[in-house]
Amino acid sequence: MLGIKDGLILEEIGDSFEAEKLYHDAIEAYKICKNVDALNGSVMQKLSSIYCDEENKNQNKDAAIDCLKIAIELVKGDTNKEQLAITLQQLL
């Protein structure tokens, strides 16, 4: 996976891992995607979702909050930003 430089492919790999509940692998794929495509708010939103997921034995509320703050800045559309802000408020 380290050789892949396409953000969309990396995001899809993360999505596949997340669907299989392989949270550690999904987080790694999304982090690599973030490094390749730093303006991808969707990936930050997905990272925050994994960090909050009750089925994830390595939940990390602080990481979720950090990801949401970045996602709010990067996602497009007021509705999306509002939904992220609501989620952020619930975590704080």
PDB file of N, CA and C in Angstrom:
ATOM      1  N   MET A   1       0.826  -1.189   0.000  1.00  0.00           N
ATOM      2  CA  MET A   1       0.000   0.000   0.000  1.00  0.00           C
ATOM      3  C   MET A   1       0.870   1.251   0.000  1.00  0.00           C
ATOM      4  N   LEU A   2       2.081   1.155   0.504  1.00  0.00           N
ATOM      5  CA  LEU A   2       2.928   2.332   0.614  1.00  0.00           C
ATOM      6  C   LEU A   2       3.288   2.932  -0.735  1.00  0.00           C
ATOM      7  N   GLY A   3       3.264   2.128  -1.795  1.00  0.00           N
ATOM      8  CA  GLY A   3       3.632   2.631  -3.108  1.00  0.00           C
ATOM      9  C   GLY A   3       2.498   3.332  -3.841  1.00  0.00           C
ATOM     10  N   ILE A   4       1.288   3.242  -3.343  1.00  0.00           N
ATOM     11  CA  ILE A   4       0.130   3.847  -4.007  1.00  0.00           C
ATOM     12  C   ILE A   4       0.130   5.345  -3.735  1.00  0.00           C
ATOM     13  N   LYS A   5      -0.026   6.123  -4.809  1.00  0.00           N
ATOM     14  CA  LYS A   5       0.000   7.575  -4.669  1.00  0.00           C
ATOM     15  C   LYS A   5      -1.310   8.234  -5.092  1.00  0.00           C
ATOM     16  N   ASP A   6      -2.325   7.442  -5.381  1.00  0.00           N
ATOM     17  CA  ASP A   6      -3.613   7.964  -5.816  1.00  0.00           C
ATOM     18  C   ASP A   6      -4.554   8.046  -4.620  1.00  0.00           C
ATOM     19  N   GLY A   7      -4.948   9.275  -4.261  1.00  0.00           N
ATOM     20  CA  GLY A   7      -5.792   9.486  -3.099  1.00  0.00           C
ATOM     21  C   GLY A   7      -7.119   8.759  -3.165  1.00  0.00           C
ATOM     22  N   LEU A   8      -7.738   8.714  -4.348  1.00  0.00           N
ATOM     23  CA  LEU A   8      -9.036   8.037  -4.463  1.00  0.00           C
ATOM     24  C   LEU A   8      -8.917   6.543  -4.211  1.00  0.00           C
ATOM     25  N   ILE A   9      -7.858   5.947  -4.726  1.00  0.00           N
ATOM     26  CA  ILE A   9      -7.648   4.510  -4.508  1.00  0.00           C
ATOM     27  C   ILE A   9      -7.381   4.246  -3.035  1.00  0.00           C
ATOM     28  N   LEU A  10      -6.552   5.078  -2.415  1.00  0.00           N
ATOM     29  CA  LEU A  10      -6.263   4.907  -0.991  1.00  0.00           C
ATOM     30  C   LEU A  10      -7.526   5.052  -0.141  1.00  0.00           C
ATOM     31  N   GLU A  11      -8.365   6.005  -0.520  1.00  0.00           N
ATOM     32  CA  GLU A  11      -9.616   6.188   0.217  1.00  0.00           C
ATOM     33  C   GLU A  11     -10.512   4.960   0.061  1.00  0.00           C
ATOM     34  N   GLU A  12     -10.575   4.408  -1.127  1.00  0.00           N
ATOM     35  CA  GLU A  12     -11.383   3.207  -1.359  1.00  0.00           C
ATOM     36  C   GLU A  12     -10.835   2.014  -0.588  1.00  0.00           C
ATOM     37  N   ILE A  13      -9.515   1.923  -0.505  1.00  0.00           N
ATOM     38  CA  ILE A  13      -8.906   0.851   0.290  1.00  0.00           C
ATOM     39  C   ILE A  13      -9.311   1.020   1.756  1.00  0.00           C
ATOM     40  N   GLY A  14      -9.239   2.248   2.246  1.00  0.00           N
ATOM     41  CA  GLY A  14      -9.672   2.519   3.623  1.00  0.00           C
ATOM     42  C   GLY A  14     -11.133   2.168   3.824  1.00  0.00           C
ATOM     43  N   ASP A  15     -11.964   2.522   2.854  1.00  0.00           N
ATOM     44  CA  ASP A  15     -13.395   2.198   2.936  1.00  0.00           C
ATOM     45  C   ASP A  15     -13.606   0.689   3.033  1.00  0.00           C
ATOM     46  N   SER A  16     -12.853  -0.056   2.241  1.00  0.00           N
ATOM     47  CA  SER A  16     -12.974  -1.523   2.255  1.00  0.00           C
ATOM     48  C   SER A  16     -12.563  -2.091   3.603  1.00  0.00           C
ATOM     49  N   PHE A  17     -11.449  -1.604   4.139  1.00  0.00           N
ATOM     50  CA  PHE A  17     -11.013  -2.063   5.457  1.00  0.00           C
ATOM     51  C   PHE A  17     -12.055  -1.715   6.523  1.00  0.00           C
ATOM     52  N   GLU A  18     -12.592  -0.511   6.448  1.00  0.00           N
ATOM     53  CA  GLU A  18     -13.585  -0.097   7.438  1.00  0.00           C
ATOM     54  C   GLU A  18     -14.838  -0.974   7.348  1.00  0.00           C
ATOM     55  N   ALA A  19     -15.272  -1.275   6.145  1.00  0.00           N
ATOM     56  CA  ALA A  19     -16.454  -2.125   5.956  1.00  0.00           C
ATOM     57  C   ALA A  19     -16.248  -3.511   6.565  1.00  0.00           C
ATOM     58  N   GLU A  20     -15.009  -3.973   6.555  1.00  0.00           N
ATOM     59  CA  GLU A  20     -14.678  -5.280   7.134  1.00  0.00           C
ATOM     60  C   GLU A  20     -14.330  -5.176   8.620  1.00  0.00           C
ATOM     61  N   LYS A  21     -14.479  -3.967   9.175  1.00  0.00           N
ATOM     62  CA  LYS A  21     -14.176  -3.687  10.580  1.00  0.00           C
ATOM     63  C   LYS A  21     -12.701  -3.897  10.912  1.00  0.00           C
ATOM     64  N   LEU A  22     -11.853  -3.698   9.920  1.00  0.00           N
ATOM     65  CA  LEU A  22     -10.404  -3.744  10.121  1.00  0.00           C
ATOM     66  C   LEU A  22      -9.948  -2.304  10.355  1.00  0.00           C
ATOM     67  N   TYR A  23     -10.282  -1.810  11.546  1.00  0.00           N
ATOM     68  CA  TYR A  23     -10.132  -0.386  11.829  1.00  0.00           C
ATOM     69  C   TYR A  23      -8.684   0.091  11.778  1.00  0.00           C
ATOM     70  N   HIS A  24      -7.775  -0.692  12.313  1.00  0.00           N
ATOM     71  CA  HIS A  24      -6.366  -0.282  12.285  1.00  0.00           C
ATOM     72  C   HIS A  24      -5.891  -0.090  10.849  1.00  0.00           C
ATOM     73  N   ASP A  25      -6.226  -1.039   9.981  1.00  0.00           N
ATOM     74  CA  ASP A  25      -5.818  -0.950   8.582  1.00  0.00           C
ATOM     75  C   ASP A  25      -6.501   0.217   7.872  1.00  0.00           C
ATOM     76  N   ALA A  26      -7.777   0.440   8.204  1.00  0.00           N
ATOM     77  CA  ALA A  26      -8.508   1.568   7.605  1.00  0.00           C
ATOM     78  C   ALA A  26      -7.865   2.889   8.011  1.00  0.00           C
ATOM     79  N   ILE A  27      -7.517   3.015   9.280  1.00  0.00           N
ATOM     80  CA  ILE A  27      -6.878   4.240   9.757  1.00  0.00           C
ATOM     81  C   ILE A  27      -5.563   4.475   9.021  1.00  0.00           C
ATOM     82  N   GLU A  28      -4.778   3.425   8.862  1.00  0.00           N
ATOM     83  CA  GLU A  28      -3.497   3.571   8.157  1.00  0.00           C
ATOM     84  C   GLU A  28      -3.707   3.995   6.710  1.00  0.00           C
ATOM     85  N   ALA A  29      -4.683   3.391   6.039  1.00  0.00           N
ATOM     86  CA  ALA A  29      -4.956   3.749   4.640  1.00  0.00           C
ATOM     87  C   ALA A  29      -5.416   5.204   4.542  1.00  0.00           C
ATOM     88  N   TYR A  30      -6.292   5.620   5.446  1.00  0.00           N
ATOM     89  CA  TYR A  30      -6.785   6.999   5.430  1.00  0.00           C
ATOM     90  C   TYR A  30      -5.666   7.993   5.763  1.00  0.00           C
ATOM     91  N   LYS A  31      -4.773   7.633   6.667  1.00  0.00           N
ATOM     92  CA  LYS A  31      -3.650   8.521   6.993  1.00  0.00           C
ATOM     93  C   LYS A  31      -2.730   8.701   5.795  1.00  0.00           C
ATOM     94  N   ILE A  32      -2.457   7.611   5.084  1.00  0.00           N
ATOM     95  CA  ILE A  32      -1.624   7.711   3.881  1.00  0.00           C
ATOM     96  C   ILE A  32      -2.340   8.569   2.846  1.00  0.00           C
ATOM     97  N   CYS A  33      -3.650   8.366   2.715  1.00  0.00           N
ATOM     98  CA  CYS A  33      -4.446   9.169   1.786  1.00  0.00           C
ATOM     99  C   CYS A  33      -4.358  10.637   2.150  1.00  0.00           C
ATOM    100  N   LYS A  34      -4.445  10.942   3.440  1.00  0.00           N
ATOM    101  CA  LYS A  34      -4.354  12.327   3.914  1.00  0.00           C
ATOM    102  C   LYS A  34      -3.001  12.932   3.535  1.00  0.00           C
ATOM    103  N   ASN A  35      -1.949  12.139   3.615  1.00  0.00           N
ATOM    104  CA  ASN A  35      -0.623  12.634   3.249  1.00  0.00           C
ATOM    105  C   ASN A  35      -0.503  12.881   1.754  1.00  0.00           C
ATOM    106  N   VAL A  36      -1.199  12.073   0.952  1.00  0.00           N
ATOM    107  CA  VAL A  36      -1.178  12.229  -0.505  1.00  0.00           C
ATOM    108  C   VAL A  36      -2.096  13.368  -0.936  1.00  0.00           C
ATOM    109  N   ASP A  37      -3.249  13.483  -0.281  1.00  0.00           N
ATOM    110  CA  ASP A  37      -4.258  14.493  -0.630  1.00  0.00           C
ATOM    111  C   ASP A  37      -4.686  15.230   0.634  1.00  0.00           C
ATOM    112  N   ALA A  38      -3.885  16.200   1.030  1.00  0.00           N
ATOM    113  CA  ALA A  38      -4.094  16.900   2.302  1.00  0.00           C
ATOM    114  C   ALA A  38      -5.383  17.709   2.352  1.00  0.00           C
ATOM    115  N   LEU A  39      -6.030  17.928   1.220  1.00  0.00           N
ATOM    116  CA  LEU A  39      -7.256  18.733   1.186  1.00  0.00           C
ATOM    117  C   LEU A  39      -8.520  17.881   1.149  1.00  0.00           C
ATOM    118  N   ASN A  40      -8.392  16.592   1.399  1.00  0.00           N
ATOM    119  CA  ASN A  40      -9.523  15.675   1.340  1.00  0.00           C
ATOM    120  C   ASN A  40     -10.243  15.643   2.697  1.00  0.00           C
ATOM    121  N   GLY A  41     -11.262  16.473   2.832  1.00  0.00           N
ATOM    122  CA  GLY A  41     -12.039  16.538   4.063  1.00  0.00           C
ATOM    123  C   GLY A  41     -12.815  15.272   4.344  1.00  0.00           C
ATOM    124  N   SER A  42     -13.193  14.568   3.301  1.00  0.00           N
ATOM    125  CA  SER A  42     -13.933  13.321   3.449  1.00  0.00           C
ATOM    126  C   SER A  42     -13.128  12.294   4.235  1.00  0.00           C
ATOM    127  N   VAL A  43     -11.843  12.227   3.959  1.00  0.00           N
ATOM    128  CA  VAL A  43     -10.978  11.277   4.656  1.00  0.00           C
ATOM    129  C   VAL A  43     -10.883  11.635   6.137  1.00  0.00           C
ATOM    130  N   MET A  44     -10.791  12.922   6.429  1.00  0.00           N
ATOM    131  CA  MET A  44     -10.728  13.344   7.830  1.00  0.00           C
ATOM    132  C   MET A  44     -12.029  13.010   8.551  1.00  0.00           C
ATOM    133  N   GLN A  45     -13.130  13.151   7.857  1.00  0.00           N
ATOM    134  CA  GLN A  45     -14.429  12.800   8.423  1.00  0.00           C
ATOM    135  C   GLN A  45     -14.492  11.295   8.705  1.00  0.00           C
ATOM    136  N   LYS A  46     -13.989  10.507   7.773  1.00  0.00           N
ATOM    137  CA  LYS A  46     -13.995   9.052   7.949  1.00  0.00           C
ATOM    138  C   LYS A  46     -13.075   8.630   9.091  1.00  0.00           C
ATOM    139  N   LEU A  47     -11.930   9.283   9.212  1.00  0.00           N
ATOM    140  CA  LEU A  47     -11.038   8.993  10.332  1.00  0.00           C
ATOM    141  C   LEU A  47     -11.731   9.277  11.664  1.00  0.00           C
ATOM    142  N   SER A  48     -12.406  10.411  11.746  1.00  0.00           N
ATOM    143  CA  SER A  48     -13.086  10.748  12.997  1.00  0.00           C
ATOM    144  C   SER A  48     -14.162   9.715  13.319  1.00  0.00           C
ATOM    145  N   SER A  49     -14.840   9.248  12.293  1.00  0.00           N
ATOM    146  CA  SER A  49     -15.887   8.249  12.491  1.00  0.00           C
ATOM    147  C   SER A  49     -15.316   6.949  13.060  1.00  0.00           C
ATOM    148  N   ILE A  50     -14.178   6.527  12.540  1.00  0.00           N
ATOM    149  CA  ILE A  50     -13.546   5.298  13.049  1.00  0.00           C
ATOM    150  C   ILE A  50     -13.097   5.501  14.489  1.00  0.00           C
ATOM    151  N   TYR A  51     -12.491   6.655  14.769  1.00  0.00           N
ATOM    152  CA  TYR A  51     -12.015   6.919  16.127  1.00  0.00           C
ATOM    153  C   TYR A  51     -13.163   6.940  17.135  1.00  0.00           C
ATOM    154  N   CYS A  52     -14.376   7.228  16.683  1.00  0.00           N
ATOM    155  CA  CYS A  52     -15.554   7.268  17.568  1.00  0.00           C
ATOM    156  C   CYS A  52     -16.318   5.948  17.605  1.00  0.00           C
ATOM    157  N   ASP A  53     -16.060   5.072  16.673  1.00  0.00           N
ATOM    158  CA  ASP A  53     -16.844   3.848  16.527  1.00  0.00           C
ATOM    159  C   ASP A  53     -16.736   2.983  17.786  1.00  0.00           C
ATOM    160  N   GLU A  54     -17.883   2.658  18.363  1.00  0.00           N
ATOM    161  CA  GLU A  54     -17.913   1.860  19.585  1.00  0.00           C
ATOM    162  C   GLU A  54     -17.362   0.457  19.370  1.00  0.00           C
ATOM    163  N   GLU A  55     -17.383  -0.030  18.141  1.00  0.00           N
ATOM    164  CA  GLU A  55     -16.851  -1.354  17.853  1.00  0.00           C
ATOM    165  C   GLU A  55     -15.327  -1.339  17.713  1.00  0.00           C
ATOM    166  N   ASN A  56     -14.742  -0.162  17.616  1.00  0.00           N
ATOM    167  CA  ASN A  56     -13.298  -0.020  17.513  1.00  0.00           C
ATOM    168  C   ASN A  56     -12.712  -0.107  18.918  1.00  0.00           C
ATOM    169  N   LYS A  57     -11.962  -1.163  19.177  1.00  0.00           N
ATOM    170  CA  LYS A  57     -11.419  -1.350  20.528  1.00  0.00           C
ATOM    171  C   LYS A  57     -10.366  -0.301  20.882  1.00  0.00           C
ATOM    172  N   ASN A  58      -9.888   0.430  19.894  1.00  0.00           N
ATOM    173  CA  ASN A  58      -8.899   1.482  20.124  1.00  0.00           C
ATOM    174  C   ASN A  58      -9.502   2.864  19.885  1.00  0.00           C
ATOM    175  N   GLN A  59     -10.700   3.080  20.418  1.00  0.00           N
ATOM    176  CA  GLN A  59     -11.340   4.386  20.265  1.00  0.00           C
ATOM    177  C   GLN A  59     -10.406   5.483  20.754  1.00  0.00           C
ATOM    178  N   ASN A  60     -10.498   6.649  20.112  1.00  0.00           N
ATOM    179  CA  ASN A  60      -9.643   7.763  20.499  1.00  0.00           C
ATOM    180  C   ASN A  60     -10.435   9.054  20.299  1.00  0.00           C
ATOM    181  N   LYS A  61     -11.101   9.481  21.343  1.00  0.00           N
ATOM    182  CA  LYS A  61     -11.963  10.661  21.260  1.00  0.00           C
ATOM    183  C   LYS A  61     -11.174  11.910  20.876  1.00  0.00           C
ATOM    184  N   ASP A  62      -9.987  12.082  21.427  1.00  0.00           N
ATOM    185  CA  ASP A  62      -9.183  13.266  21.109  1.00  0.00           C
ATOM    186  C   ASP A  62      -8.805  13.300  19.629  1.00  0.00           C
ATOM    187  N   ALA A  63      -8.429  12.148  19.080  1.00  0.00           N
ATOM    188  CA  ALA A  63      -8.095  12.078  17.659  1.00  0.00           C
ATOM    189  C   ALA A  63      -9.332  12.372  16.813  1.00  0.00           C
ATOM    190  N   ALA A  64     -10.493  11.878  17.255  1.00  0.00           N
ATOM    191  CA  ALA A  64     -11.742  12.140  16.530  1.00  0.00           C
ATOM    192  C   ALA A  64     -12.028  13.633  16.490  1.00  0.00           C
ATOM    193  N   ILE A  65     -11.837  14.299  17.616  1.00  0.00           N
ATOM    194  CA  ILE A  65     -12.076  15.742  17.690  1.00  0.00           C
ATOM    195  C   ILE A  65     -11.123  16.486  16.758  1.00  0.00           C
ATOM    196  N   ASP A  66      -9.850  16.114  16.782  1.00  0.00           N
ATOM    197  CA  ASP A  66      -8.865  16.760  15.907  1.00  0.00           C
ATOM    198  C   ASP A  66      -9.227  16.582  14.437  1.00  0.00           C
ATOM    199  N   CYS A  67      -9.631  15.372  14.071  1.00  0.00           N
ATOM    200  CA  CYS A  67     -10.006  15.097  12.677  1.00  0.00           C
ATOM    201  C   CYS A  67     -11.242  15.892  12.268  1.00  0.00           C
ATOM    202  N   LEU A  68     -12.214  15.980  13.160  1.00  0.00           N
ATOM    203  CA  LEU A  68     -13.432  16.736  12.848  1.00  0.00           C
ATOM    204  C   LEU A  68     -13.135  18.215  12.636  1.00  0.00           C
ATOM    205  N   LYS A  69     -12.261  18.766  13.445  1.00  0.00           N
ATOM    206  CA  LYS A  69     -11.900  20.177  13.286  1.00  0.00           C
ATOM    207  C   LYS A  69     -11.298  20.433  11.909  1.00  0.00           C
ATOM    208  N   ILE A  70     -10.447  19.532  11.470  1.00  0.00           N
ATOM    209  CA  ILE A  70      -9.834  19.670  10.140  1.00  0.00           C
ATOM    210  C   ILE A  70     -10.885  19.464   9.059  1.00  0.00           C
ATOM    211  N   ALA A  71     -11.734  18.450   9.236  1.00  0.00           N
ATOM    212  CA  ALA A  71     -12.769  18.138   8.244  1.00  0.00           C
ATOM    213  C   ALA A  71     -13.696  19.328   8.027  1.00  0.00           C
ATOM    214  N   ILE A  72     -14.059  20.004   9.111  1.00  0.00           N
ATOM    215  CA  ILE A  72     -14.955  21.158   8.993  1.00  0.00           C
ATOM    216  C   ILE A  72     -14.351  22.224   8.089  1.00  0.00           C
ATOM    217  N   GLU A  73     -13.051  22.396   8.175  1.00  0.00           N
ATOM    218  CA  GLU A  73     -12.367  23.387   7.336  1.00  0.00           C
ATOM    219  C   GLU A  73     -12.296  22.957   5.873  1.00  0.00           C
ATOM    220  N   LEU A  74     -12.234  21.649   5.644  1.00  0.00           N
ATOM    221  CA  LEU A  74     -11.967  21.150   4.294  1.00  0.00           C
ATOM    222  C   LEU A  74     -13.203  20.763   3.484  1.00  0.00           C
ATOM    223  N   VAL A  75     -14.265  20.294   4.148  1.00  0.00           N
ATOM    224  CA  VAL A  75     -15.424  19.828   3.377  1.00  0.00           C
ATOM    225  C   VAL A  75     -16.145  20.999   2.739  1.00  0.00           C
ATOM    226  N   LYS A  76     -16.831  20.693   1.672  1.00  0.00           N
ATOM    227  CA  LYS A  76     -17.588  21.711   0.949  1.00  0.00           C
ATOM    228  C   LYS A  76     -19.061  21.595   1.332  1.00  0.00           C
ATOM    229  N   GLY A  77     -19.738  22.719   1.350  1.00  0.00           N
ATOM    230  CA  GLY A  77     -21.173  22.725   1.615  1.00  0.00           C
ATOM    231  C   GLY A  77     -21.494  23.012   3.061  1.00  0.00           C
ATOM    232  N   ASP A  78     -22.381  23.964   3.265  1.00  0.00           N
ATOM    233  CA  ASP A  78     -22.767  24.369   4.613  1.00  0.00           C
ATOM    234  C   ASP A  78     -23.434  23.241   5.381  1.00  0.00           C
ATOM    235  N   THR A  79     -24.238  22.442   4.691  1.00  0.00           N
ATOM    236  CA  THR A  79     -24.935  21.346   5.362  1.00  0.00           C
ATOM    237  C   THR A  79     -23.930  20.349   5.920  1.00  0.00           C
ATOM    238  N   ASN A  80     -22.931  20.002   5.129  1.00  0.00           N
ATOM    239  CA  ASN A  80     -21.897  19.079   5.591  1.00  0.00           C
ATOM    240  C   ASN A  80     -21.151  19.655   6.787  1.00  0.00           C
ATOM    241  N   LYS A  81     -20.798  20.932   6.704  1.00  0.00           N
ATOM    242  CA  LYS A  81     -20.080  21.584   7.802  1.00  0.00           C
ATOM    243  C   LYS A  81     -20.928  21.588   9.072  1.00  0.00           C
ATOM    244  N   GLU A  82     -22.225  21.850   8.927  1.00  0.00           N
ATOM    245  CA  GLU A  82     -23.116  21.867  10.085  1.00  0.00           C
ATOM    246  C   GLU A  82     -23.208  20.494  10.736  1.00  0.00           C
ATOM    247  N   GLN A  83     -23.309  19.456   9.918  1.00  0.00           N
ATOM    248  CA  GLN A  83     -23.385  18.101  10.454  1.00  0.00           C
ATOM    249  C   GLN A  83     -22.104  17.738  11.207  1.00  0.00           C
ATOM    250  N   LEU A  84     -20.971  18.125  10.663  1.00  0.00           N
ATOM    251  CA  LEU A  84     -19.700  17.868  11.331  1.00  0.00           C
ATOM    252  C   LEU A  84     -19.601  18.641  12.636  1.00  0.00           C
ATOM    253  N   ALA A  85     -20.074  19.889  12.623  1.00  0.00           N
ATOM    254  CA  ALA A  85     -20.040  20.724  13.815  1.00  0.00           C
ATOM    255  C   ALA A  85     -20.911  20.122  14.921  1.00  0.00           C
ATOM    256  N   ILE A  86     -22.052  19.579  14.553  1.00  0.00           N
ATOM    257  CA  ILE A  86     -22.945  18.946  15.524  1.00  0.00           C
ATOM    258  C   ILE A  86     -22.245  17.735  16.143  1.00  0.00           C
ATOM    259  N   THR A  87     -21.616  16.931  15.305  1.00  0.00           N
ATOM    260  CA  THR A  87     -20.886  15.771  15.805  1.00  0.00           C
ATOM    261  C   THR A  87     -19.771  16.204  16.738  1.00  0.00           C
ATOM    262  N   LEU A  88     -19.061  17.260  16.358  1.00  0.00           N
ATOM    263  CA  LEU A  88     -17.983  17.788  17.190  1.00  0.00           C
ATOM    264  C   LEU A  88     -18.514  18.236  18.550  1.00  0.00           C
ATOM    265  N   GLN A  89     -19.630  18.954  18.550  1.00  0.00           N
ATOM    266  CA  GLN A  89     -20.230  19.409  19.807  1.00  0.00           C
ATOM    267  C   GLN A  89     -20.568  18.238  20.724  1.00  0.00           C
ATOM    268  N   GLN A  90     -21.054  17.146  20.133  1.00  0.00           N
ATOM    269  CA  GLN A  90     -21.422  15.984  20.915  1.00  0.00           C
ATOM    270  C   GLN A  90     -20.199  15.337  21.577  1.00  0.00           C
ATOM    271  N   LEU A  91     -19.055  15.462  20.923  1.00  0.00           N
ATOM    272  CA  LEU A  91     -17.830  14.867  21.470  1.00  0.00           C
ATOM    273  C   LEU A  91     -17.179  15.735  22.545  1.00  0.00           C
ATOM    274  N   LEU A  92     -17.434  17.046  22.468  1.00  0.00           N
ATOM    275  CA  LEU A  92     -16.777  17.952  23.425  1.00  0.00           C
ATOM    276  C   LEU A  92     -17.440  17.964  24.783  1.00  0.00           C
TER     277      LEU A  92
END
